[in-house]
Amino acid sequence: MEAIADLKTKNISICTERIWKLNVSQYHAMIAAGIIEEDAQLELLEGLLVLKMPKNPRHRLSTGLLQDALLAILSTNYHLNLQEPITLQDSEPEPDLAIIRGQRLDFRDRHPQALDIELVIEVSDATLERDRTMKKRIYANAGIPIYWILNLRERQLEVYTQPKMEESEYAHSQIFTESESINITLKEIGLGTILIKDLL
């Protein structure tokens, strides 16, 4: 085990306070009671309340470009959520985009859950490390079939597929550079092609 002094040299924060973990029901109850405001910049990740990072113009632009590109090819069997909650076993992340099976009215009384979700996307700049570790672990553990990271730092799309739930990991990963394109396939049905450079 690394000594605390070694960890501090790596800019890893050491918390000496007690941390209380929440389950999803407790998190929902706190929102319903007004303890956590509905527009609070927080996500429940693995039982912890985590601060969401502010979005810079480049993040906003790429999120919008992704939204436009996906809406142009999505079939009526799906709808697209933009920065909305999804309810998982011990987390309620708010991915930048998510392709959800069914119609919006199907979710009048609940958030989409893992079995409803075909693809989640995080647009990553300041959050790249979190998206490659904690978020990837959460989505794989939930069995979400496809996870994308639109990596703004390295100008590439990282695609993770074949979740191994028992290992909280994806078995397959692929990187698409800005000179390439990706074919969107959901449930073995091709929906269309997107040029990576058009998202950056």
N, C-alpha and C. Protein backbone atom coordinates (compact mmCIF):
# COMPACT_ATOMS: atom_id res chain seq x y z
N MET A 1 0.85 -1.20 0.00
CA MET A 1 0.00 0.00 0.00
C MET A 1 0.88 1.24 0.00
N GLU A 2 0.50 2.22 -0.81
CA GLU A 2 1.31 3.43 -0.91
C GLU A 2 1.14 4.28 0.35
N ALA A 3 2.21 4.88 0.79
CA ALA A 3 2.15 5.78 1.92
C ALA A 3 1.38 7.03 1.54
N ILE A 4 0.78 7.69 2.56
CA ILE A 4 0.00 8.90 2.31
C ILE A 4 0.89 9.97 1.68
N ALA A 5 2.13 10.07 2.11
CA ALA A 5 3.03 11.07 1.53
C ALA A 5 3.21 10.84 0.04
N ASP A 6 3.29 9.55 -0.36
CA ASP A 6 3.45 9.24 -1.78
C ASP A 6 2.20 9.62 -2.56
N LEU A 7 1.04 9.38 -1.96
CA LEU A 7 -0.20 9.72 -2.64
C LEU A 7 -0.34 11.22 -2.82
N LYS A 8 0.09 11.97 -1.83
CA LYS A 8 -0.03 13.43 -1.92
C LYS A 8 0.82 13.98 -3.06
N THR A 9 1.96 13.35 -3.34
CA THR A 9 2.80 13.83 -4.44
C THR A 9 2.16 13.58 -5.78
N LYS A 10 1.13 12.70 -5.81
CA LYS A 10 0.42 12.39 -7.05
C LYS A 10 -0.88 13.18 -7.16
N ASN A 11 -1.04 14.18 -6.31
CA ASN A 11 -2.23 15.03 -6.32
C ASN A 11 -3.52 14.24 -6.07
N ILE A 12 -3.44 13.22 -5.23
CA ILE A 12 -4.62 12.47 -4.83
C ILE A 12 -5.09 13.01 -3.49
N SER A 13 -6.35 13.42 -3.43
CA SER A 13 -6.88 14.00 -2.20
C SER A 13 -7.09 12.91 -1.17
N ILE A 14 -6.68 13.15 0.04
CA ILE A 14 -6.87 12.22 1.15
C ILE A 14 -7.94 12.81 2.06
N CYS A 15 -9.07 12.12 2.18
CA CYS A 15 -10.16 12.61 3.01
C CYS A 15 -10.07 11.97 4.39
N THR A 16 -10.02 12.79 5.42
CA THR A 16 -9.93 12.27 6.79
C THR A 16 -11.27 12.34 7.51
N GLU A 17 -12.31 12.82 6.83
CA GLU A 17 -13.64 12.92 7.43
C GLU A 17 -14.44 11.67 7.14
N ARG A 18 -15.48 11.44 7.95
CA ARG A 18 -16.39 10.34 7.68
C ARG A 18 -17.20 10.64 6.43
N ILE A 19 -17.38 9.63 5.62
CA ILE A 19 -18.18 9.77 4.40
C ILE A 19 -19.37 8.82 4.51
N TRP A 20 -20.56 9.35 4.32
CA TRP A 20 -21.76 8.54 4.38
C TRP A 20 -22.22 8.21 2.96
N LYS A 21 -22.41 6.93 2.69
CA LYS A 21 -22.87 6.52 1.37
C LYS A 21 -24.40 6.48 1.36
N LEU A 22 -24.96 6.84 0.22
CA LEU A 22 -26.40 6.85 0.03
C LEU A 22 -26.79 5.75 -0.95
N ASN A 23 -27.96 5.15 -0.73
CA ASN A 23 -28.51 4.31 -1.78
C ASN A 23 -29.42 5.17 -2.65
N VAL A 24 -29.89 4.62 -3.76
CA VAL A 24 -30.67 5.41 -4.71
C VAL A 24 -31.98 5.88 -4.08
N SER A 25 -32.61 5.04 -3.26
CA SER A 25 -33.88 5.42 -2.61
C SER A 25 -33.67 6.60 -1.67
N GLN A 26 -32.59 6.60 -0.92
CA GLN A 26 -32.29 7.72 -0.02
C GLN A 26 -32.03 8.99 -0.82
N TYR A 27 -31.33 8.86 -1.92
CA TYR A 27 -31.06 10.00 -2.79
C TYR A 27 -32.36 10.59 -3.32
N HIS A 28 -33.27 9.74 -3.79
CA HIS A 28 -34.57 10.21 -4.28
C HIS A 28 -35.36 10.88 -3.17
N ALA A 29 -35.31 10.31 -1.96
CA ALA A 29 -36.04 10.89 -0.82
C ALA A 29 -35.49 12.27 -0.47
N MET A 30 -34.20 12.46 -0.55
CA MET A 30 -33.59 13.76 -0.26
C MET A 30 -34.00 14.79 -1.30
N ILE A 31 -34.12 14.37 -2.56
CA ILE A 31 -34.59 15.29 -3.61
C ILE A 31 -36.05 15.65 -3.37
N ALA A 32 -36.87 14.63 -3.05
CA ALA A 32 -38.30 14.87 -2.81
C ALA A 32 -38.53 15.79 -1.62
N ALA A 33 -37.66 15.70 -0.62
CA ALA A 33 -37.79 16.53 0.58
C ALA A 33 -37.19 17.91 0.40
N GLY A 34 -36.54 18.16 -0.73
CA GLY A 34 -35.93 19.46 -0.97
C GLY A 34 -34.56 19.62 -0.34
N ILE A 35 -34.03 18.55 0.24
CA ILE A 35 -32.69 18.62 0.83
C ILE A 35 -31.65 18.80 -0.27
N ILE A 36 -31.86 18.09 -1.36
CA ILE A 36 -31.05 18.29 -2.57
C ILE A 36 -31.97 18.88 -3.62
N GLU A 37 -31.63 20.04 -4.13
CA GLU A 37 -32.47 20.67 -5.14
C GLU A 37 -32.36 19.92 -6.46
N GLU A 38 -33.46 19.88 -7.21
CA GLU A 38 -33.49 19.11 -8.45
C GLU A 38 -32.47 19.59 -9.47
N ASP A 39 -32.13 20.88 -9.42
CA ASP A 39 -31.15 21.40 -10.38
C ASP A 39 -29.74 21.50 -9.78
N ALA A 40 -29.51 20.83 -8.63
CA ALA A 40 -28.18 20.84 -8.02
C ALA A 40 -27.18 20.18 -8.96
N GLN A 41 -25.99 20.71 -9.01
CA GLN A 41 -24.96 20.19 -9.89
C GLN A 41 -24.25 19.00 -9.24
N LEU A 42 -25.04 17.94 -8.98
CA LEU A 42 -24.54 16.75 -8.30
C LEU A 42 -25.00 15.50 -9.05
N GLU A 43 -24.21 14.44 -8.93
CA GLU A 43 -24.60 13.13 -9.41
C GLU A 43 -24.35 12.13 -8.28
N LEU A 44 -25.18 11.10 -8.20
CA LEU A 44 -24.93 10.00 -7.27
C LEU A 44 -24.13 8.94 -8.03
N LEU A 45 -22.89 8.76 -7.62
CA LEU A 45 -21.99 7.80 -8.28
C LEU A 45 -21.46 6.83 -7.25
N GLU A 46 -21.83 5.57 -7.38
CA GLU A 46 -21.41 4.51 -6.46
C GLU A 46 -21.70 4.90 -5.02
N GLY A 47 -22.87 5.49 -4.80
CA GLY A 47 -23.31 5.85 -3.46
C GLY A 47 -22.78 7.16 -2.93
N LEU A 48 -21.98 7.86 -3.71
CA LEU A 48 -21.39 9.13 -3.29
C LEU A 48 -21.96 10.29 -4.10
N LEU A 49 -22.19 11.42 -3.45
CA LEU A 49 -22.61 12.62 -4.16
C LEU A 49 -21.37 13.29 -4.74
N VAL A 50 -21.33 13.38 -6.04
CA VAL A 50 -20.15 13.89 -6.75
C VAL A 50 -20.53 15.16 -7.49
N LEU A 51 -19.70 16.18 -7.37
CA LEU A 51 -19.96 17.46 -8.02
C LEU A 51 -19.75 17.34 -9.52
N LYS A 52 -20.72 17.82 -10.30
CA LYS A 52 -20.58 17.85 -11.75
C LYS A 52 -19.71 19.05 -12.15
N MET A 53 -18.87 18.84 -13.14
CA MET A 53 -17.97 19.90 -13.57
C MET A 53 -18.72 20.91 -14.45
N PRO A 54 -18.38 22.20 -14.34
CA PRO A 54 -18.95 23.19 -15.26
C PRO A 54 -18.58 22.87 -16.70
N LYS A 55 -19.43 23.25 -17.63
CA LYS A 55 -19.22 22.93 -19.04
C LYS A 55 -18.66 24.16 -19.78
N ASN A 56 -17.57 23.97 -20.48
CA ASN A 56 -16.98 25.05 -21.26
C ASN A 56 -17.62 25.08 -22.66
N PRO A 57 -17.36 26.13 -23.44
CA PRO A 57 -18.00 26.23 -24.77
C PRO A 57 -17.73 25.05 -25.68
N ARG A 58 -16.53 24.49 -25.62
CA ARG A 58 -16.21 23.36 -26.49
C ARG A 58 -17.07 22.13 -26.12
N HIS A 59 -17.27 21.92 -24.83
CA HIS A 59 -18.12 20.81 -24.36
C HIS A 59 -19.55 21.02 -24.83
N ARG A 60 -20.05 22.24 -24.67
CA ARG A 60 -21.42 22.55 -25.08
C ARG A 60 -21.59 22.33 -26.59
N LEU A 61 -20.61 22.78 -27.37
CA LEU A 61 -20.67 22.63 -28.83
C LEU A 61 -20.71 21.15 -29.23
N SER A 62 -19.79 20.34 -28.70
CA SER A 62 -19.73 18.93 -29.09
C SER A 62 -20.96 18.17 -28.64
N THR A 63 -21.50 18.51 -27.48
CA THR A 63 -22.73 17.87 -27.03
C THR A 63 -23.87 18.18 -28.00
N GLY A 64 -23.96 19.42 -28.43
CA GLY A 64 -25.00 19.79 -29.39
C GLY A 64 -24.81 19.13 -30.74
N LEU A 65 -23.56 19.03 -31.20
CA LEU A 65 -23.29 18.38 -32.48
C LEU A 65 -23.65 16.89 -32.43
N LEU A 66 -23.33 16.25 -31.31
CA LEU A 66 -23.71 14.85 -31.12
C LEU A 66 -25.22 14.68 -31.13
N GLN A 67 -25.89 15.58 -30.43
CA GLN A 67 -27.35 15.53 -30.39
C GLN A 67 -27.94 15.63 -31.80
N ASP A 68 -27.46 16.58 -32.57
CA ASP A 68 -27.96 16.76 -33.94
C ASP A 68 -27.69 15.52 -34.79
N ALA A 69 -26.47 14.97 -34.69
CA ALA A 69 -26.10 13.82 -35.51
C ALA A 69 -26.92 12.58 -35.17
N LEU A 70 -27.16 12.35 -33.88
CA LEU A 70 -27.92 11.17 -33.46
C LEU A 70 -29.40 11.31 -33.78
N LEU A 71 -29.96 12.48 -33.59
CA LEU A 71 -31.37 12.68 -33.90
C LEU A 71 -31.65 12.47 -35.38
N ALA A 72 -30.65 12.76 -36.22
CA ALA A 72 -30.84 12.61 -37.67
C ALA A 72 -30.93 11.16 -38.10
N ILE A 73 -30.45 10.23 -37.28
CA ILE A 73 -30.45 8.82 -37.70
C ILE A 73 -31.27 7.91 -36.80
N LEU A 74 -31.72 8.39 -35.64
CA LEU A 74 -32.46 7.52 -34.72
C LEU A 74 -33.80 7.11 -35.30
N SER A 75 -34.15 5.87 -35.08
CA SER A 75 -35.46 5.38 -35.50
C SER A 75 -36.50 5.73 -34.44
N THR A 76 -37.76 5.53 -34.77
CA THR A 76 -38.84 5.86 -33.84
C THR A 76 -38.91 4.91 -32.65
N ASN A 77 -38.09 3.86 -32.67
CA ASN A 77 -38.07 2.93 -31.54
C ASN A 77 -37.28 3.47 -30.36
N TYR A 78 -36.60 4.61 -30.56
CA TYR A 78 -35.73 5.17 -29.53
C TYR A 78 -35.99 6.66 -29.37
N HIS A 79 -35.54 7.18 -28.21
CA HIS A 79 -35.46 8.63 -28.07
C HIS A 79 -34.14 8.99 -27.41
N LEU A 80 -33.77 10.26 -27.49
CA LEU A 80 -32.47 10.73 -27.02
C LEU A 80 -32.65 11.61 -25.81
N ASN A 81 -31.95 11.29 -24.71
CA ASN A 81 -31.94 12.13 -23.52
C ASN A 81 -30.65 12.94 -23.49
N LEU A 82 -30.77 14.17 -23.06
CA LEU A 82 -29.63 15.09 -22.98
C LEU A 82 -29.42 15.50 -21.53
N GLN A 83 -28.33 15.00 -20.93
CA GLN A 83 -27.95 15.36 -19.56
C GLN A 83 -29.10 15.15 -18.57
N GLU A 84 -29.73 13.98 -18.67
CA GLU A 84 -30.83 13.61 -17.78
C GLU A 84 -30.45 12.37 -16.97
N PRO A 85 -31.07 12.18 -15.78
CA PRO A 85 -30.68 11.06 -14.91
C PRO A 85 -31.07 9.71 -15.49
N ILE A 86 -30.24 8.72 -15.20
CA ILE A 86 -30.59 7.33 -15.40
C ILE A 86 -30.39 6.62 -14.06
N THR A 87 -31.30 5.74 -13.69
CA THR A 87 -31.26 5.10 -12.38
C THR A 87 -30.64 3.72 -12.50
N LEU A 88 -29.50 3.53 -11.81
CA LEU A 88 -28.79 2.26 -11.80
C LEU A 88 -28.75 1.73 -10.36
N GLN A 89 -28.05 0.64 -10.13
CA GLN A 89 -28.14 -0.03 -8.84
C GLN A 89 -27.72 0.85 -7.67
N ASP A 90 -26.54 1.47 -7.76
CA ASP A 90 -26.07 2.31 -6.66
C ASP A 90 -25.69 3.71 -7.14
N SER A 91 -26.17 4.07 -8.32
CA SER A 91 -25.78 5.34 -8.93
C SER A 91 -26.95 5.94 -9.69
N GLU A 92 -26.91 7.26 -9.83
CA GLU A 92 -27.84 7.94 -10.72
C GLU A 92 -27.07 9.01 -11.50
N PRO A 93 -26.25 8.55 -12.45
CA PRO A 93 -25.49 9.51 -13.26
C PRO A 93 -26.39 10.27 -14.22
N GLU A 94 -25.86 11.35 -14.76
CA GLU A 94 -26.55 12.15 -15.76
C GLU A 94 -25.64 12.27 -16.98
N PRO A 95 -25.56 11.22 -17.80
CA PRO A 95 -24.65 11.26 -18.95
C PRO A 95 -25.02 12.39 -19.90
N ASP A 96 -24.03 12.85 -20.63
CA ASP A 96 -24.28 13.95 -21.56
C ASP A 96 -25.37 13.59 -22.57
N LEU A 97 -25.33 12.36 -23.07
CA LEU A 97 -26.40 11.88 -23.96
C LEU A 97 -26.66 10.41 -23.66
N ALA A 98 -27.89 9.99 -23.88
CA ALA A 98 -28.23 8.57 -23.73
C ALA A 98 -29.32 8.23 -24.74
N ILE A 99 -29.14 7.12 -25.43
CA ILE A 99 -30.17 6.61 -26.33
C ILE A 99 -31.01 5.61 -25.55
N ILE A 100 -32.31 5.92 -25.45
CA ILE A 100 -33.24 5.16 -24.63
C ILE A 100 -34.23 4.44 -25.52
N ARG A 101 -34.48 3.18 -25.22
CA ARG A 101 -35.46 2.41 -25.98
C ARG A 101 -36.87 2.84 -25.58
N GLY A 102 -37.75 3.04 -26.57
CA GLY A 102 -39.13 3.42 -26.29
C GLY A 102 -39.37 4.91 -26.45
N GLN A 103 -40.54 5.35 -26.02
CA GLN A 103 -40.97 6.73 -26.16
C GLN A 103 -40.82 7.48 -24.83
N ARG A 104 -40.74 8.80 -24.91
CA ARG A 104 -40.59 9.60 -23.68
C ARG A 104 -41.73 9.35 -22.69
N LEU A 105 -42.94 9.20 -23.22
CA LEU A 105 -44.09 9.02 -22.34
C LEU A 105 -44.04 7.70 -21.58
N ASP A 106 -43.21 6.77 -22.02
CA ASP A 106 -43.05 5.53 -21.28
C ASP A 106 -42.38 5.76 -19.93
N PHE A 107 -41.79 6.93 -19.75
CA PHE A 107 -41.01 7.21 -18.54
C PHE A 107 -41.61 8.39 -17.77
N ARG A 108 -42.92 8.43 -17.76
CA ARG A 108 -43.62 9.51 -17.06
C ARG A 108 -43.34 9.49 -15.55
N ASP A 109 -43.21 8.29 -14.99
CA ASP A 109 -43.13 8.15 -13.52
C ASP A 109 -41.79 7.62 -13.02
N ARG A 110 -40.83 7.47 -13.89
CA ARG A 110 -39.52 6.97 -13.46
C ARG A 110 -38.46 7.39 -14.47
N HIS A 111 -37.20 7.36 -14.01
CA HIS A 111 -36.09 7.57 -14.92
C HIS A 111 -35.79 6.27 -15.67
N PRO A 112 -35.17 6.36 -16.84
CA PRO A 112 -34.72 5.14 -17.52
C PRO A 112 -33.76 4.34 -16.64
N GLN A 113 -33.84 3.02 -16.75
CA GLN A 113 -32.96 2.12 -16.03
C GLN A 113 -32.08 1.37 -17.02
N ALA A 114 -31.19 0.55 -16.50
CA ALA A 114 -30.18 -0.09 -17.36
C ALA A 114 -30.78 -0.84 -18.53
N LEU A 115 -31.86 -1.57 -18.30
CA LEU A 115 -32.45 -2.38 -19.37
C LEU A 115 -33.10 -1.53 -20.46
N ASP A 116 -33.33 -0.25 -20.17
CA ASP A 116 -33.94 0.65 -21.15
C ASP A 116 -32.92 1.32 -22.05
N ILE A 117 -31.64 1.20 -21.72
CA ILE A 117 -30.60 2.04 -22.32
C ILE A 117 -29.77 1.25 -23.32
N GLU A 118 -29.60 1.82 -24.51
CA GLU A 118 -28.78 1.20 -25.54
C GLU A 118 -27.37 1.78 -25.59
N LEU A 119 -27.24 3.07 -25.31
CA LEU A 119 -25.95 3.74 -25.47
C LEU A 119 -25.90 4.94 -24.54
N VAL A 120 -24.79 5.09 -23.81
CA VAL A 120 -24.54 6.31 -23.04
C VAL A 120 -23.28 6.98 -23.57
N ILE A 121 -23.28 8.31 -23.51
CA ILE A 121 -22.16 9.09 -24.04
C ILE A 121 -21.76 10.15 -23.03
N GLU A 122 -20.46 10.22 -22.74
CA GLU A 122 -19.90 11.33 -21.96
C GLU A 122 -19.00 12.13 -22.87
N VAL A 123 -19.19 13.44 -22.90
CA VAL A 123 -18.31 14.36 -23.60
C VAL A 123 -17.26 14.81 -22.59
N SER A 124 -16.00 14.48 -22.85
CA SER A 124 -14.98 14.57 -21.80
C SER A 124 -13.87 15.55 -22.13
N ASP A 125 -13.62 16.40 -21.15
CA ASP A 125 -12.48 17.29 -21.16
C ASP A 125 -11.90 17.26 -19.75
N ALA A 126 -12.43 18.10 -18.88
CA ALA A 126 -11.97 18.11 -17.49
C ALA A 126 -12.33 16.81 -16.76
N THR A 127 -13.37 16.10 -17.21
CA THR A 127 -13.83 14.89 -16.52
C THR A 127 -13.27 13.61 -17.13
N LEU A 128 -12.25 13.69 -17.97
CA LEU A 128 -11.79 12.51 -18.71
C LEU A 128 -11.39 11.37 -17.77
N GLU A 129 -10.65 11.65 -16.73
CA GLU A 129 -10.21 10.58 -15.84
C GLU A 129 -11.40 9.91 -15.16
N ARG A 130 -12.36 10.69 -14.69
CA ARG A 130 -13.56 10.13 -14.06
C ARG A 130 -14.36 9.30 -15.06
N ASP A 131 -14.47 9.78 -16.28
CA ASP A 131 -15.26 9.07 -17.29
C ASP A 131 -14.61 7.75 -17.69
N ARG A 132 -13.27 7.71 -17.67
CA ARG A 132 -12.56 6.48 -18.05
C ARG A 132 -12.50 5.46 -16.90
N THR A 133 -12.78 5.89 -15.69
CA THR A 133 -12.66 4.99 -14.55
C THR A 133 -14.02 4.76 -13.89
N MET A 134 -14.42 5.69 -13.04
CA MET A 134 -15.65 5.51 -12.28
C MET A 134 -16.88 5.36 -13.18
N LYS A 135 -17.04 6.26 -14.14
CA LYS A 135 -18.22 6.18 -15.01
C LYS A 135 -18.21 4.89 -15.84
N LYS A 136 -17.06 4.52 -16.38
CA LYS A 136 -16.98 3.28 -17.17
C LYS A 136 -17.32 2.08 -16.30
N ARG A 137 -16.82 2.08 -15.10
CA ARG A 137 -17.10 0.98 -14.17
C ARG A 137 -18.60 0.89 -13.87
N ILE A 138 -19.23 2.03 -13.63
CA ILE A 138 -20.66 2.08 -13.32
C ILE A 138 -21.49 1.55 -14.50
N TYR A 139 -21.18 2.02 -15.69
CA TYR A 139 -21.97 1.63 -16.86
C TYR A 139 -21.75 0.15 -17.20
N ALA A 140 -20.53 -0.34 -17.07
CA ALA A 140 -20.27 -1.76 -17.34
C ALA A 140 -20.98 -2.63 -16.31
N ASN A 141 -20.91 -2.25 -15.05
CA ASN A 141 -21.56 -3.01 -13.98
C ASN A 141 -23.06 -3.09 -14.18
N ALA A 142 -23.65 -2.04 -14.77
CA ALA A 142 -25.09 -2.02 -15.04
C ALA A 142 -25.45 -2.83 -16.29
N GLY A 143 -24.46 -3.21 -17.08
CA GLY A 143 -24.73 -3.98 -18.30
C GLY A 143 -25.17 -3.13 -19.46
N ILE A 144 -24.87 -1.83 -19.45
CA ILE A 144 -25.22 -0.96 -20.57
C ILE A 144 -24.38 -1.37 -21.78
N PRO A 145 -25.01 -1.69 -22.91
CA PRO A 145 -24.29 -2.34 -24.01
C PRO A 145 -23.16 -1.54 -24.62
N ILE A 146 -23.36 -0.23 -24.76
CA ILE A 146 -22.36 0.59 -25.46
C ILE A 146 -22.12 1.87 -24.67
N TYR A 147 -20.86 2.20 -24.48
CA TYR A 147 -20.46 3.43 -23.79
C TYR A 147 -19.46 4.16 -24.66
N TRP A 148 -19.77 5.42 -24.96
CA TRP A 148 -18.86 6.27 -25.72
C TRP A 148 -18.28 7.35 -24.82
N ILE A 149 -17.01 7.64 -25.03
CA ILE A 149 -16.39 8.85 -24.49
C ILE A 149 -15.92 9.67 -25.69
N LEU A 150 -16.53 10.85 -25.88
CA LEU A 150 -16.04 11.77 -26.89
C LEU A 150 -14.93 12.58 -26.22
N ASN A 151 -13.71 12.20 -26.49
CA ASN A 151 -12.53 12.73 -25.82
C ASN A 151 -12.07 14.01 -26.52
N LEU A 152 -12.41 15.15 -25.92
CA LEU A 152 -12.08 16.43 -26.54
C LEU A 152 -10.59 16.75 -26.45
N ARG A 153 -9.94 16.23 -25.42
CA ARG A 153 -8.51 16.50 -25.25
C ARG A 153 -7.69 15.90 -26.39
N GLU A 154 -7.99 14.65 -26.72
CA GLU A 154 -7.21 13.94 -27.72
C GLU A 154 -7.93 13.84 -29.06
N ARG A 155 -9.07 14.51 -29.16
CA ARG A 155 -9.85 14.61 -30.39
C ARG A 155 -10.10 13.21 -30.98
N GLN A 156 -10.77 12.39 -30.18
CA GLN A 156 -11.07 11.04 -30.61
C GLN A 156 -12.33 10.55 -29.90
N LEU A 157 -12.91 9.49 -30.47
CA LEU A 157 -14.06 8.84 -29.87
C LEU A 157 -13.62 7.48 -29.34
N GLU A 158 -13.86 7.23 -28.05
CA GLU A 158 -13.54 5.95 -27.43
C GLU A 158 -14.85 5.17 -27.28
N VAL A 159 -14.87 3.96 -27.82
CA VAL A 159 -16.09 3.15 -27.83
C VAL A 159 -15.84 1.88 -27.02
N TYR A 160 -16.70 1.66 -26.02
CA TYR A 160 -16.60 0.48 -25.16
C TYR A 160 -17.86 -0.37 -25.33
N THR A 161 -17.66 -1.67 -25.58
CA THR A 161 -18.78 -2.58 -25.81
C THR A 161 -18.53 -3.91 -25.07
N GLN A 162 -19.55 -4.76 -25.06
CA GLN A 162 -19.50 -6.08 -24.42
C GLN A 162 -19.22 -5.96 -22.92
N PRO A 163 -20.19 -5.41 -22.17
CA PRO A 163 -19.98 -5.27 -20.72
C PRO A 163 -19.85 -6.61 -20.02
N LYS A 164 -18.88 -6.70 -19.13
CA LYS A 164 -18.70 -7.87 -18.26
C LYS A 164 -19.11 -7.43 -16.86
N MET A 165 -20.37 -7.65 -16.53
CA MET A 165 -20.94 -7.08 -15.31
C MET A 165 -20.22 -7.56 -14.06
N GLU A 166 -19.81 -8.83 -14.04
CA GLU A 166 -19.16 -9.37 -12.84
C GLU A 166 -17.80 -8.73 -12.59
N GLU A 167 -17.20 -8.13 -13.64
CA GLU A 167 -15.90 -7.48 -13.51
C GLU A 167 -15.99 -5.97 -13.59
N SER A 168 -17.21 -5.44 -13.78
CA SER A 168 -17.42 -3.99 -13.93
C SER A 168 -16.47 -3.40 -14.97
N GLU A 169 -16.40 -4.08 -16.11
CA GLU A 169 -15.48 -3.69 -17.18
C GLU A 169 -16.10 -4.04 -18.52
N TYR A 170 -15.62 -3.38 -19.56
CA TYR A 170 -16.02 -3.71 -20.92
C TYR A 170 -14.94 -4.59 -21.55
N ALA A 171 -15.38 -5.63 -22.26
CA ALA A 171 -14.44 -6.58 -22.86
C ALA A 171 -13.77 -6.02 -24.11
N HIS A 172 -14.43 -5.08 -24.77
CA HIS A 172 -13.90 -4.61 -26.04
C HIS A 172 -13.87 -3.09 -26.06
N SER A 173 -12.80 -2.52 -26.58
CA SER A 173 -12.70 -1.07 -26.73
C SER A 173 -12.08 -0.75 -28.08
N GLN A 174 -12.44 0.40 -28.61
CA GLN A 174 -11.92 0.83 -29.91
C GLN A 174 -11.85 2.35 -29.93
N ILE A 175 -10.82 2.87 -30.56
CA ILE A 175 -10.65 4.32 -30.67
C ILE A 175 -10.82 4.73 -32.12
N PHE A 176 -11.64 5.77 -32.33
CA PHE A 176 -11.85 6.34 -33.66
C PHE A 176 -11.25 7.74 -33.66
N THR A 177 -10.32 8.00 -34.57
CA THR A 177 -9.70 9.32 -34.66
C THR A 177 -10.61 10.26 -35.45
N GLU A 178 -10.25 11.54 -35.45
CA GLU A 178 -11.10 12.53 -36.10
C GLU A 178 -11.14 12.37 -37.62
N SER A 179 -10.25 11.57 -38.18
CA SER A 179 -10.28 11.33 -39.63
C SER A 179 -11.16 10.13 -40.00
N GLU A 180 -11.75 9.47 -38.99
CA GLU A 180 -12.53 8.27 -39.24
C GLU A 180 -14.02 8.53 -39.05
N SER A 181 -14.81 7.50 -39.33
CA SER A 181 -16.25 7.55 -39.10
C SER A 181 -16.67 6.32 -38.32
N ILE A 182 -17.86 6.38 -37.73
CA ILE A 182 -18.36 5.24 -36.97
C ILE A 182 -19.75 4.89 -37.46
N ASN A 183 -19.99 3.60 -37.64
CA ASN A 183 -21.31 3.11 -38.00
C ASN A 183 -22.10 2.84 -36.73
N ILE A 184 -23.27 3.44 -36.60
CA ILE A 184 -24.10 3.28 -35.41
C ILE A 184 -24.98 2.05 -35.60
N THR A 185 -24.80 1.06 -34.72
CA THR A 185 -25.57 -0.17 -34.77
C THR A 185 -26.18 -0.43 -33.40
N LEU A 186 -27.50 -0.55 -33.33
CA LEU A 186 -28.20 -0.88 -32.09
C LEU A 186 -29.00 -2.14 -32.33
N LYS A 187 -28.83 -3.11 -31.44
CA LYS A 187 -29.54 -4.39 -31.60
C LYS A 187 -29.31 -5.00 -32.98
N GLU A 188 -28.06 -4.89 -33.45
CA GLU A 188 -27.64 -5.46 -34.74
C GLU A 188 -28.33 -4.81 -35.93
N ILE A 189 -28.92 -3.64 -35.74
CA ILE A 189 -29.54 -2.91 -36.83
C ILE A 189 -28.74 -1.63 -37.07
N GLY A 190 -28.22 -1.46 -38.27
CA GLY A 190 -27.46 -0.27 -38.59
C GLY A 190 -28.37 0.94 -38.78
N LEU A 191 -28.02 2.04 -38.14
CA LEU A 191 -28.84 3.25 -38.23
C LEU A 191 -28.22 4.31 -39.12
N GLY A 192 -26.91 4.31 -39.23
CA GLY A 192 -26.25 5.33 -40.04
C GLY A 192 -24.81 5.51 -39.63
N THR A 193 -24.15 6.45 -40.27
CA THR A 193 -22.72 6.70 -40.07
C THR A 193 -22.51 8.15 -39.65
N ILE A 194 -21.59 8.34 -38.72
CA ILE A 194 -21.24 9.68 -38.24
C ILE A 194 -19.74 9.90 -38.42
N LEU A 195 -19.37 11.05 -38.97
CA LEU A 195 -17.95 11.42 -39.08
C LEU A 195 -17.50 12.01 -37.76
N ILE A 196 -16.38 11.50 -37.24
CA ILE A 196 -15.91 11.96 -35.94
C ILE A 196 -15.56 13.45 -35.97
N LYS A 197 -14.97 13.90 -37.08
CA LYS A 197 -14.57 15.32 -37.15
C LYS A 197 -15.78 16.25 -37.06
N ASP A 198 -16.96 15.75 -37.40
CA ASP A 198 -18.16 16.57 -37.33
C ASP A 198 -18.67 16.75 -35.91
N LEU A 199 -18.04 16.06 -34.95
CA LEU A 199 -18.47 16.15 -33.55
C LEU A 199 -17.52 16.99 -32.72
N LEU A 200 -16.40 17.40 -33.31
CA LEU A 200 -15.34 18.07 -32.55
C LEU A 200 -15.23 19.55 -32.89
